[in-house]
């Protein structure tokens, strides 16, 4: 069993840490399964797979080994190899089906997830709660409702993970009625399920119901705080967003992250709270947890521009790492709002000449606003025409 190739390919500790008498009596498939559990790199997994082939071990006759190998490939991002294992398996069992569905779902391969799910049903295998939790990750609201009927049919509706998965589907799709039905029927409400319900409320603009549920939660993590703060900011309650941010700081735990400050800076922008925005900027600089990445910097640029401090917006823009189109748009709009038409156009030319980024409809809103403020009629007409002719952007009412 201990061939020279395998012995030299895996870390020595993995081959020598088998001191127990129980392990020494295991047959090759069991030993290889243990090695898969101990593997730390894809190279080790590949060598174990090679040993399986060399020993003529039939994976479909060793379902545990097959499942572990599938999961090992998937955990290292080798989706093609993990799916090849699945498709080569004769009569895959429920556990391998579920693992394969989960693999493609978490990697955004939604169509493949449903093909696997249909194949599972056609094999007359009864899905369990883990199967439903996996397939729900690939569901839209419509397909989620179809899966919901299967959940009820097979009697796993009260499982907390399945219920949370259904709730998440309905929350993302804004189906408040269906979400409330699932939530109300849950025997135990987890932190994740409560946060998903708050998300659903805020997406529908029902911040009062969201805050009521938020306040009733026994436990709140930073995700739930972020959803509530952002819900206030996105639906015209900036003062409430700022007060909730202050409450978060006062409670000391959990600690704010990038998403927290981006949402709070948006609230500052809406009411011109420059001093609050400056305080948050200092807070970010002093934080070990929050990085001044492009999203945070863009929120600062937008805040300073809308709060009347263009110079500070320019300083942040110049220090922004790896600027994306959203950051450039924020600065172009900042120049436009303050009446610096030529600077806005110059910045657009600089973006075009140095970055290769393609402008969006938001870019042209800023540019046309700049032309309007500066009385640049011909330039504005040229910009408007170039939207469709050069960039394939259809004008909207904002243009």
Foldseek 3Di string as FASTA:
>chain_A
DPDPQLCVQADVCLVPVQPDPVSVPDDVLVSLLSSLVVDDAVSNLVSSVVVCVVVVPDCLVVVSSLLSSLVSCLVNVNLVVSVVSVVVHDPRAQSSLLSNLLSCLVVQVLVVSVVSVVVCVVSVHQHDLSSLLRNLSSDALVVLVVVVVSCVVSPPLQPQSNLLSSLLNCLVNLVLVVNVVSVVPHPDADQSSLLSNLSSCLVVLNLVVSVVSVVPDPDHAQSSLLSNLLSCLVNPNLVVSLVSLVVCVVVVPPDHELSSLLSNLSSCLVVLVVVVLVVVVVVQVPDPHYDQAQSSLLSSLLSCLSNPNNVVSVVSLVVHPPHAQSSLLSNLLSCLVVQNLVVSVVSVVVCVVPPVHAHALSSLLSNLSNCVSPVVVVVNVVSVVCCCVPRNYDDDPSD
